[in-house]
C-alpha atoms as a PDB file:
ATOM      1  CA  MET A   1       8.980  19.146  -3.077  1.00  0.00           C
ATOM      2  CA  ILE A   2       8.268  15.422  -3.288  1.00  0.00           C
ATOM      3  CA  VAL A   3       4.899  13.697  -3.794  1.00  0.00           C
ATOM      4  CA  PHE A   4       3.834  10.474  -2.063  1.00  0.00           C
ATOM      5  CA  SER A   5       0.566   8.836  -3.063  1.00  0.00           C
ATOM      6  CA  ASP A   6      -1.359   5.765  -2.068  1.00  0.00           C
ATOM      7  CA  MET A   7      -2.512   3.712  -5.052  1.00  0.00           C
ATOM      8  CA  ASP A   8      -5.820   1.883  -4.429  1.00  0.00           C
ATOM      9  CA  GLY A   9      -8.703   4.233  -3.741  1.00  0.00           C
ATOM     10  CA  THR A  10      -6.463   7.261  -4.205  1.00  0.00           C
ATOM     11  CA  PHE A  11      -4.339   7.491  -7.350  1.00  0.00           C
ATOM     12  CA  LEU A  12      -5.942   4.547  -9.171  1.00  0.00           C
ATOM     13  CA  THR A  13      -9.570   4.640 -10.256  1.00  0.00           C
ATOM     14  CA  THR A  14     -12.063   2.266  -8.672  1.00  0.00           C
ATOM     15  CA  ASP A  15     -11.530  -0.163 -11.554  1.00  0.00           C
ATOM     16  CA  LYS A  16      -7.762   0.008 -10.862  1.00  0.00           C
ATOM     17  CA  ARG A  17      -6.709   2.107 -13.863  1.00  0.00           C
ATOM     18  CA  VAL A  18      -4.260   4.971 -14.131  1.00  0.00           C
ATOM     19  CA  SER A  19      -6.399   7.651 -15.753  1.00  0.00           C
ATOM     20  CA  GLU A  20      -5.250   9.905 -18.568  1.00  0.00           C
ATOM     21  CA  GLY A  21      -5.406  12.875 -16.197  1.00  0.00           C
ATOM     22  CA  SER A  22      -3.200  11.103 -13.688  1.00  0.00           C
ATOM     23  CA  MET A  23      -0.625  10.297 -16.349  1.00  0.00           C
ATOM     24  CA  GLN A  24      -0.616  13.950 -17.395  1.00  0.00           C
ATOM     25  CA  ALA A  25       0.056  14.948 -13.798  1.00  0.00           C
ATOM     26  CA  LEU A  26       3.008  12.545 -13.665  1.00  0.00           C
ATOM     27  CA  ASP A  27       4.315  14.064 -16.892  1.00  0.00           C
ATOM     28  CA  LYS A  28       4.207  17.527 -15.309  1.00  0.00           C
ATOM     29  CA  LEU A  29       6.034  16.303 -12.219  1.00  0.00           C
ATOM     30  CA  ALA A  30       8.754  14.841 -14.441  1.00  0.00           C
ATOM     31  CA  GLU A  31       9.043  18.092 -16.384  1.00  0.00           C
ATOM     32  CA  HIS A  32       9.646  19.966 -13.113  1.00  0.00           C
ATOM     33  CA  GLY A  33      12.016  17.370 -11.682  1.00  0.00           C
ATOM     34  CA  ILE A  34       9.658  16.464  -8.840  1.00  0.00           C
ATOM     35  CA  GLU A  35       9.666  12.885  -7.564  1.00  0.00           C
ATOM     36  CA  PHE A  36       6.428  10.898  -7.444  1.00  0.00           C
ATOM     37  CA  VAL A  37       6.596   8.014  -4.965  1.00  0.00           C
ATOM     38  CA  PRO A  38       3.873   5.345  -5.102  1.00  0.00           C
ATOM     39  CA  CYS A  39       3.249   4.468  -1.460  1.00  0.00           C
ATOM     40  CA  THR A  40       1.040   1.408  -1.187  1.00  0.00           C
ATOM     41  CA  GLY A  41      -0.042  -1.613   0.787  1.00  0.00           C
ATOM     42  CA  ARG A  42       0.596  -3.696  -2.304  1.00  0.00           C
ATOM     43  CA  ALA A  43       3.738  -5.741  -2.721  1.00  0.00           C
ATOM     44  CA  LEU A  44       6.204  -4.133  -5.109  1.00  0.00           C
ATOM     45  CA  VAL A  45       5.197  -6.482  -7.928  1.00  0.00           C
ATOM     46  CA  GLY A  46       1.611  -5.212  -7.643  1.00  0.00           C
ATOM     47  CA  ILE A  47       2.366  -1.564  -8.443  1.00  0.00           C
ATOM     48  CA  PRO A  48       1.235  -0.828 -12.025  1.00  0.00           C
ATOM     49  CA  GLN A  49       4.157  -1.027 -14.435  1.00  0.00           C
ATOM     50  CA  GLU A  50       3.160   2.191 -16.193  1.00  0.00           C
ATOM     51  CA  VAL A  51       3.642   3.973 -12.863  1.00  0.00           C
ATOM     52  CA  LEU A  52       6.994   2.361 -12.053  1.00  0.00           C
ATOM     53  CA  ALA A  53       8.263   3.006 -15.594  1.00  0.00           C
ATOM     54  CA  HIS A  54       7.322   6.700 -15.566  1.00  0.00           C
ATOM     55  CA  PRO A  55      10.258   9.172 -15.559  1.00  0.00           C
ATOM     56  CA  SER A  56       8.892  10.897 -12.434  1.00  0.00           C
ATOM     57  CA  VAL A  57       9.231   7.656 -10.446  1.00  0.00           C
ATOM     58  CA  HIS A  58      12.597   6.580  -9.029  1.00  0.00           C
ATOM     59  CA  TYR A  59      11.434   5.215  -5.670  1.00  0.00           C
ATOM     60  CA  ALA A  60       8.535   3.175  -4.342  1.00  0.00           C
ATOM     61  CA  VAL A  61       7.204   2.390  -0.874  1.00  0.00           C
ATOM     62  CA  SER A  62       5.418  -0.957  -0.700  1.00  0.00           C
ATOM     63  CA  SER A  63       3.787  -3.320   1.825  1.00  0.00           C
ATOM     64  CA  ASN A  64       2.510  -0.398   3.932  1.00  0.00           C
ATOM     65  CA  GLY A  65       5.980   1.034   4.411  1.00  0.00           C
ATOM     66  CA  ALA A  66       7.828  -2.200   5.142  1.00  0.00           C
ATOM     67  CA  VAL A  67       9.948  -1.733   1.995  1.00  0.00           C
ATOM     68  CA  VAL A  68      11.513   1.206   0.189  1.00  0.00           C
ATOM     69  CA  SER A  69      12.902   0.451  -3.279  1.00  0.00           C
ATOM     70  CA  ARG A  70      14.902   2.334  -5.881  1.00  0.00           C
ATOM     71  CA  ILE A  71      13.320   1.948  -9.314  1.00  0.00           C
ATOM     72  CA  ALA A  72      15.111   1.984 -12.658  1.00  0.00           C
ATOM     73  CA  CYS A  73      13.779   1.687 -16.196  1.00  0.00           C
ATOM     74  CA  ASP A  74      15.990   0.830 -19.168  1.00  0.00           C
ATOM     75  CA  ALA A  75      15.693   2.062 -22.747  1.00  0.00           C
ATOM     76  CA  GLU A  76      13.361  -0.816 -23.617  1.00  0.00           C
ATOM     77  CA  GLY A  77      11.032   0.035 -20.729  1.00  0.00           C
ATOM     78  CA  ALA A  78      12.015  -2.893 -18.513  1.00  0.00           C
ATOM     79  CA  VAL A  79      11.687  -2.032 -14.823  1.00  0.00           C
ATOM     80  CA  SER A  80      14.176  -3.168 -12.188  1.00  0.00           C
ATOM     81  CA  SER A  81      14.382  -2.469  -8.471  1.00  0.00           C
ATOM     82  CA  GLU A  82      16.854  -2.355  -5.593  1.00  0.00           C
ATOM     83  CA  THR A  83      15.763  -2.615  -1.964  1.00  0.00           C
ATOM     84  CA  LEU A  84      17.004   0.382   0.017  1.00  0.00           C
ATOM     85  CA  ARG A  85      15.178  -0.152   3.309  1.00  0.00           C
ATOM     86  CA  ARG A  86      13.232  -3.049   4.754  1.00  0.00           C
ATOM     87  CA  VAL A  87      11.479  -3.418   8.103  1.00  0.00           C
ATOM     88  CA  PRO A  88      10.700  -7.140   8.254  1.00  0.00           C
ATOM     89  CA  LEU A  89       8.041  -8.814  10.347  1.00  0.00           C
ATOM     90  CA  SER A  90       9.594 -11.630  12.372  1.00  0.00           C
ATOM     91  CA  ARG A  91       8.572 -15.191  11.604  1.00  0.00           C
ATOM     92  CA  ALA A  92       7.789 -15.725  15.277  1.00  0.00           C
ATOM     93  CA  LYS A  93       5.254 -12.883  15.216  1.00  0.00           C
ATOM     94  CA  ALA A  94       3.828 -14.134  11.922  1.00  0.00           C
ATOM     95  CA  LEU A  95       3.262 -17.562  13.458  1.00  0.00           C
ATOM     96  CA  GLU A  96       1.492 -15.950  16.430  1.00  0.00           C
ATOM     97  CA  VAL A  97      -0.809 -14.132  14.022  1.00  0.00           C
ATOM     98  CA  LEU A  98      -1.363 -17.346  12.041  1.00  0.00           C
ATOM     99  CA  GLN A  99      -2.548 -19.167  15.151  1.00  0.00           C
ATOM    100  CA  ILE A 100      -5.094 -16.398  15.750  1.00  0.00           C
ATOM    101  CA  ALA A 101      -6.251 -16.486  12.121  1.00  0.00           C
ATOM    102  CA  ARG A 102      -6.649 -20.277  12.150  1.00  0.00           C
ATOM    103  CA  ALA A 103      -9.528 -20.001  14.603  1.00  0.00           C
ATOM    104  CA  HIS A 104     -11.554 -18.043  12.026  1.00  0.00           C
ATOM    105  CA  ASP A 105     -12.672 -18.332   8.417  1.00  0.00           C
ATOM    106  CA  VAL A 106     -10.341 -15.745   6.887  1.00  0.00           C
ATOM    107  CA  THR A 107      -7.585 -15.609   4.299  1.00  0.00           C
ATOM    108  CA  PHE A 108      -3.927 -15.467   5.327  1.00  0.00           C
ATOM    109  CA  ASP A 109      -1.970 -13.462   2.770  1.00  0.00           C
ATOM    110  CA  ILE A 110       1.816 -13.458   3.124  1.00  0.00           C
ATOM    111  CA  PHE A 111       3.727 -10.523   1.628  1.00  0.00           C
ATOM    112  CA  ALA A 112       7.409 -11.310   1.193  1.00  0.00           C
ATOM    113  CA  ASP A 113      10.290 -10.617  -1.179  1.00  0.00           C
ATOM    114  CA  GLY A 114       8.201  -8.139  -3.179  1.00  0.00           C
ATOM    115  CA  HIS A 115       5.402 -10.663  -3.820  1.00  0.00           C
ATOM    116  CA  SER A 116       2.287 -11.920  -2.036  1.00  0.00           C
ATOM    117  CA  TYR A 117       1.257 -15.542  -1.496  1.00  0.00           C
ATOM    118  CA  LEU A 118      -2.023 -17.200  -0.558  1.00  0.00           C
ATOM    119  CA  ARG A 119      -2.882 -20.867  -0.062  1.00  0.00           C
ATOM    120  CA  ARG A 120      -4.683 -22.043  -3.216  1.00  0.00           C
ATOM    121  CA  ASP A 121      -7.952 -23.111  -1.589  1.00  0.00           C
ATOM    122  CA  LEU A 122      -8.301 -19.665  -0.020  1.00  0.00           C
ATOM    123  CA  TYR A 123      -7.284 -18.006  -3.287  1.00  0.00           C
ATOM    124  CA  ASP A 124     -10.112 -19.921  -4.988  1.00  0.00           C
ATOM    125  CA  ARG A 125     -12.563 -18.536  -2.394  1.00  0.00           C
ATOM    126  CA  LEU A 126     -11.579 -14.871  -2.692  1.00  0.00           C
ATOM    127  CA  ALA A 127     -14.951 -13.961  -4.209  1.00  0.00           C
ATOM    128  CA  GLU A 128     -16.554 -14.947  -0.882  1.00  0.00           C
ATOM    129  CA  PHE A 129     -14.404 -12.420   0.975  1.00  0.00           C
ATOM    130  CA  VAL A 130     -14.706  -9.594  -1.590  1.00  0.00           C
ATOM    131  CA  PRO A 131     -18.228 -10.145  -2.980  1.00  0.00           C
ATOM    132  CA  ASP A 132     -19.342  -6.663  -4.017  1.00  0.00           C
ATOM    133  CA  ASP A 133     -16.242  -5.034  -5.486  1.00  0.00           C
ATOM    134  CA  PRO A 134     -15.186  -6.682  -8.755  1.00  0.00           C
ATOM    135  CA  GLY A 135     -12.350  -4.232  -9.364  1.00  0.00           C
ATOM    136  CA  THR A 136     -10.781  -4.939  -5.990  1.00  0.00           C
ATOM    137  CA  LEU A 137     -11.387  -8.675  -6.360  1.00  0.00           C
ATOM    138  CA  ASP A 138      -9.609  -8.750  -9.721  1.00  0.00           C
ATOM    139  CA  SER A 139      -6.753  -6.703  -8.286  1.00  0.00           C
ATOM    140  CA  ILE A 140      -6.341  -9.003  -5.288  1.00  0.00           C
ATOM    141  CA  ARG A 141      -6.333 -12.061  -7.528  1.00  0.00           C
ATOM    142  CA  TRP A 142      -3.783 -10.494  -9.861  1.00  0.00           C
ATOM    143  CA  ASN A 143      -1.552  -9.503  -6.949  1.00  0.00           C
ATOM    144  CA  ARG A 144      -1.592 -12.914  -5.239  1.00  0.00           C
ATOM    145  CA  ALA A 145       0.333 -16.042  -6.193  1.00  0.00           C
ATOM    146  CA  PRO A 146      -1.684 -19.132  -5.206  1.00  0.00           C
ATOM    147  CA  VAL A 147       0.526 -21.737  -3.532  1.00  0.00           C
ATOM    148  CA  ASP A 148       0.023 -25.414  -2.756  1.00  0.00           C
ATOM    149  CA  GLU A 149       1.517 -25.321   0.716  1.00  0.00           C
ATOM    150  CA  GLU A 150       0.599 -24.441   4.262  1.00  0.00           C
ATOM    151  CA  PRO A 151       1.358 -20.912   5.524  1.00  0.00           C
ATOM    152  CA  GLU A 152       4.073 -22.292   7.811  1.00  0.00           C
ATOM    153  CA  GLN A 153       5.872 -23.623   4.739  1.00  0.00           C
ATOM    154  CA  THR A 154       5.584 -20.297   2.943  1.00  0.00           C
ATOM    155  CA  LEU A 155       6.846 -18.444   6.013  1.00  0.00           C
ATOM    156  CA  ALA A 156       9.797 -20.809   6.286  1.00  0.00           C
ATOM    157  CA  ARG A 157      10.931 -20.507   2.666  1.00  0.00           C
ATOM    158  CA  VAL A 158      10.627 -16.771   1.989  1.00  0.00           C
ATOM    159  CA  ASP A 159      13.596 -14.509   2.569  1.00  0.00           C
ATOM    160  CA  ALA A 160      12.206 -11.198   3.842  1.00  0.00           C
ATOM    161  CA  LEU A 161       8.728 -11.191   5.378  1.00  0.00           C
ATOM    162  CA  GLU A 162       7.019  -7.836   4.834  1.00  0.00           C
ATOM    163  CA  ARG A 163       3.458  -8.029   6.103  1.00  0.00           C
ATOM    164  CA  LEU A 164       0.341 -10.178   6.512  1.00  0.00           C
ATOM    165  CA  ALA A 165      -3.270  -9.622   5.490  1.00  0.00           C
ATOM    166  CA  MET A 166      -6.503 -11.348   6.456  1.00  0.00           C
ATOM    167  CA  TYR A 167      -9.740 -10.853   4.518  1.00  0.00           C
ATOM    168  CA  TRP A 168     -12.943 -11.653   6.379  1.00  0.00           C
ATOM    169  CA  TYR A 169     -16.656 -11.700   5.593  1.00  0.00           C
ATOM    170  CA  ASP A 170     -18.097 -12.234   9.092  1.00  0.00           C
ATOM    171  CA  PRO A 171     -17.724  -9.128  11.298  1.00  0.00           C
ATOM    172  CA  SER A 172     -17.530 -11.353  14.367  1.00  0.00           C
ATOM    173  CA  ASP A 173     -14.325 -12.861  12.955  1.00  0.00           C
ATOM    174  CA  ARG A 174     -12.942  -9.366  12.398  1.00  0.00           C
ATOM    175  CA  ASP A 175     -13.744  -8.267  15.931  1.00  0.00           C
ATOM    176  CA  ALA A 176     -12.286 -11.403  17.516  1.00  0.00           C
ATOM    177  CA  ILE A 177      -9.064 -11.179  15.482  1.00  0.00           C
ATOM    178  CA  VAL A 178      -8.555  -7.485  16.178  1.00  0.00           C
ATOM    179  CA  GLU A 179      -9.056  -8.106  19.896  1.00  0.00           C
ATOM    180  CA  ALA A 180      -6.629 -11.033  19.921  1.00  0.00           C
ATOM    181  CA  LEU A 181      -4.017  -9.009  18.046  1.00  0.00           C
ATOM    182  CA  ARG A 182      -4.048  -6.437  20.865  1.00  0.00           C
ATOM    183  CA  HIS A 183      -2.147  -9.004  22.928  1.00  0.00           C
ATOM    184  CA  VAL A 184       0.622  -9.541  20.340  1.00  0.00           C
ATOM    185  CA  ASP A 185       3.465  -7.144  21.007  1.00  0.00           C
ATOM    186  CA  ASN A 186       5.769  -5.428  18.515  1.00  0.00           C
ATOM    187  CA  ILE A 187       3.264  -5.335  15.655  1.00  0.00           C
ATOM    188  CA  THR A 188       1.202  -2.654  13.915  1.00  0.00           C
ATOM    189  CA  VAL A 189      -2.385  -3.427  12.885  1.00  0.00           C
ATOM    190  CA  THR A 190      -4.167  -1.399  10.208  1.00  0.00           C
ATOM    191  CA  ARG A 191      -6.317  -1.837   7.120  1.00  0.00           C
ATOM    192  CA  SER A 192      -6.538  -0.561   3.558  1.00  0.00           C
ATOM    193  CA  TYR A 193      -9.942  -2.052   2.700  1.00  0.00           C
ATOM    194  CA  PRO A 194     -13.099  -2.279   4.833  1.00  0.00           C
ATOM    195  CA  MET A 195     -12.929  -6.086   4.734  1.00  0.00           C
ATOM    196  CA  ASN A 196      -9.329  -6.708   5.724  1.00  0.00           C
ATOM    197  CA  ILE A 197      -6.836  -6.629   8.584  1.00  0.00           C
ATOM    198  CA  GLU A 198      -3.158  -5.928   7.924  1.00  0.00           C
ATOM    199  CA  VAL A 199      -0.212  -6.686  10.197  1.00  0.00           C
ATOM    200  CA  MET A 200       3.351  -5.342  10.008  1.00  0.00           C
ATOM    201  CA  ASP A 201       6.289  -4.877  12.337  1.00  0.00           C
ATOM    202  CA  LYS A 202       5.717  -2.073  14.859  1.00  0.00           C
ATOM    203  CA  ASP A 203       8.287   0.118  13.089  1.00  0.00           C
ATOM    204  CA  ALA A 204       6.814  -0.310   9.605  1.00  0.00           C
ATOM    205  CA  SER A 205       4.540   2.451   8.361  1.00  0.00           C
ATOM    206  CA  LYS A 206       4.142   4.676   5.344  1.00  0.00           C
ATOM    207  CA  ALA A 207       5.113   7.677   7.471  1.00  0.00           C
ATOM    208  CA  ALA A 208       8.349   6.074   8.670  1.00  0.00           C
ATOM    209  CA  SER A 209       9.393   5.195   5.131  1.00  0.00           C
ATOM    210  CA  MET A 210       8.389   8.623   3.848  1.00  0.00           C
ATOM    211  CA  ALA A 211      10.511  10.290   6.537  1.00  0.00           C
ATOM    212  CA  TRP A 212      13.451   7.964   5.831  1.00  0.00           C
ATOM    213  CA  LEU A 213      13.371   8.551   2.081  1.00  0.00           C
ATOM    214  CA  CYS A 214      13.024  12.313   2.474  1.00  0.00           C
ATOM    215  CA  GLU A 215      16.099  12.322   4.718  1.00  0.00           C
ATOM    216  CA  GLN A 216      18.072  10.281   2.178  1.00  0.00           C
ATOM    217  CA  LEU A 217      17.170  12.824  -0.496  1.00  0.00           C
ATOM    218  CA  GLY A 218      18.168  15.776   1.662  1.00  0.00           C
ATOM    219  CA  MET A 219      14.587  16.824   2.332  1.00  0.00           C
ATOM    220  CA  SER A 220      12.224  17.025   5.266  1.00  0.00           C
ATOM    221  CA  ALA A 221       8.773  15.508   5.588  1.00  0.00           C
ATOM    222  CA  ALA A 222       7.629  19.142   5.591  1.00  0.00           C
ATOM    223  CA  ASP A 223       8.646  19.202   1.913  1.00  0.00           C
ATOM    224  CA  ALA A 224       6.315  16.302   1.130  1.00  0.00           C
ATOM    225  CA  VAL A 225       2.782  16.221  -0.241  1.00  0.00           C
ATOM    226  CA  ALA A 226       0.968  12.990   0.652  1.00  0.00           C
ATOM    227  CA  PHE A 227      -2.330  11.621  -0.678  1.00  0.00           C
ATOM    228  CA  GLY A 228      -4.458   8.818   0.762  1.00  0.00           C
ATOM    229  CA  ASP A 229      -7.860   7.378   1.497  1.00  0.00           C
ATOM    230  CA  ASN A 230      -7.612   4.750   4.239  1.00  0.00           C
ATOM    231  CA  PHE A 231      -6.276   4.052   7.699  1.00  0.00           C
ATOM    232  CA  ASN A 232      -2.896   2.809   6.466  1.00  0.00           C
ATOM    233  CA  ASP A 233      -2.402   6.273   4.900  1.00  0.00           C
ATOM    234  CA  MET A 234      -3.119   8.359   7.995  1.00  0.00           C
ATOM    235  CA  SER A 235       0.415   8.371   9.375  1.00  0.00           C
ATOM    236  CA  MET A 236       1.939   9.835   6.226  1.00  0.00           C
ATOM    237  CA  ILE A 237      -0.932  12.301   5.736  1.00  0.00           C
ATOM    238  CA  GLU A 238      -0.369  13.591   9.276  1.00  0.00           C
ATOM    239  CA  LEU A 239       3.422  13.793   8.864  1.00  0.00           C
ATOM    240  CA  ALA A 240       3.575  15.430   5.430  1.00  0.00           C
ATOM    241  CA  GLY A 241       3.836  19.180   5.005  1.00  0.00           C
ATOM    242  CA  LEU A 242       0.604  18.918   3.016  1.00  0.00           C
ATOM    243  CA  GLY A 243      -1.596  15.907   3.721  1.00  0.00           C
ATOM    244  CA  VAL A 244      -4.454  15.419   1.263  1.00  0.00           C
ATOM    245  CA  ALA A 245      -7.435  13.060   1.518  1.00  0.00           C
ATOM    246  CA  VAL A 246      -9.486  12.162  -1.534  1.00  0.00           C
ATOM    247  CA  ALA A 247     -13.248  12.710  -1.285  1.00  0.00           C
ATOM    248  CA  ASN A 248     -13.892   8.965  -1.026  1.00  0.00           C
ATOM    249  CA  ALA A 249     -11.529   8.612   1.965  1.00  0.00           C
ATOM    250  CA  GLU A 250     -12.599   7.274   5.341  1.00  0.00           C
ATOM    251  CA  THR A 251     -14.033   9.975   7.601  1.00  0.00           C
ATOM    252  CA  GLU A 252     -11.099   9.764  10.027  1.00  0.00           C
ATOM    253  CA  VAL A 253      -8.626  10.206   7.164  1.00  0.00           C
ATOM    254  CA  ARG A 254     -10.455  13.294   5.874  1.00  0.00           C
ATOM    255  CA  GLU A 255     -10.426  14.747   9.382  1.00  0.00           C
ATOM    256  CA  ALA A 256      -6.670  14.126   9.724  1.00  0.00           C
ATOM    257  CA  ALA A 257      -5.831  15.747   6.377  1.00  0.00           C
ATOM    258  CA  ASP A 258      -4.885  19.358   5.747  1.00  0.00           C
ATOM    259  CA  MET A 259      -7.232  19.426   2.772  1.00  0.00           C
ATOM    260  CA  CYS A 260      -9.568  17.240   0.751  1.00  0.00           C
ATOM    261  CA  CYS A 261      -9.733  16.916  -3.008  1.00  0.00           C
ATOM    262  CA  ALA A 262     -11.957  15.225  -5.561  1.00  0.00           C
ATOM    263  CA  SER A 263     -12.336  11.449  -5.491  1.00  0.00           C
ATOM    264  CA  ASN A 264     -10.071   8.848  -7.092  1.00  0.00           C
ATOM    265  CA  ASP A 265     -12.577   8.550  -9.958  1.00  0.00           C
ATOM    266  CA  GLU A 266     -12.494  12.319 -10.521  1.00  0.00           C
ATOM    267  CA  ASP A 267      -8.713  12.722 -10.827  1.00  0.00           C
ATOM    268  CA  GLY A 268      -8.460  14.248  -7.371  1.00  0.00           C
ATOM    269  CA  VAL A 269      -4.726  13.637  -6.985  1.00  0.00           C
ATOM    270  CA  ALA A 270      -4.010  14.942 -10.486  1.00  0.00           C
ATOM    271  CA  SER A 271      -6.032  18.092  -9.890  1.00  0.00           C
ATOM    272  CA  VAL A 272      -4.064  18.968  -6.752  1.00  0.00           C
ATOM    273  CA  ILE A 273      -0.753  18.314  -8.513  1.00  0.00           C
ATOM    274  CA  LEU A 274      -1.721  20.444 -11.495  1.00  0.00           C
ATOM    275  CA  GLU A 275      -3.679  23.223  -9.798  1.00  0.00           C
ATOM    276  CA  ARG A 276      -2.723  23.498  -6.114  1.00  0.00           C
ATOM    277  CA  LEU A 277       0.959  22.872  -6.821  1.00  0.00           C
ATOM    278  CA  GLY A 278       0.868  25.184  -9.835  1.00  0.00           C
ATOM    279  CA  LEU A 279       2.142  22.715 -12.416  1.00  0.00           C
ATOM    280  CA  SER A 280      -0.659  23.035 -14.986  1.00  0.00           C
END
């Protein structure tokens, strides 16, 4: 058995904490030698350190499946990582997406090299794009590095481009961007928040990275338990032997899951690990 879990809206509470119950569930997984793989839209640097440093965690899937990393933690608790698999988005495709975004009042977040970058003036306006969710706003700010350069400059200087994100506040901008992106080939478009649009290479997904990692570990996706709440989680929920949606998940995600559990604020993931998997 191996456990894959989305972070925001699933394993983390709404105010972006790892609850005591969730830490206890990780402890039980470690006791039984079962891997816990954080599987998130965040860049690697945005995954909570207490998760990466936990003895149940030796791998992480970040940027919506664009990157798989091996995680190590030394005796002092310092976390290090090694990239095992990367499915980069081409700069040419990123520039196509940028030209679409430029016609609208949206952010343009660049995920690359395990980090995420946003032009400073847009970083300073993030509260306009995420006005009613202080926990998410704080998380986005913490996970972004504001830069004093144009997106073209960022795209030119980074090594490995992982994904893009655009936050919007006018639904007409969302609709126009999503429609325009239909005409860009070799990309995948999804979202992890109601107010964003996320773009990766067509071969990057949480399911693809889950399947790849399971194969490397001598397992099958049928051996996996996967938890999620949003559209970027659906592929792994559908592929896993047991796909679980938290109660606060999007309707389509709940319908795609094999079962539903309590919400992220009610230790839903922990309860399934401890009770359904018999580790209590």
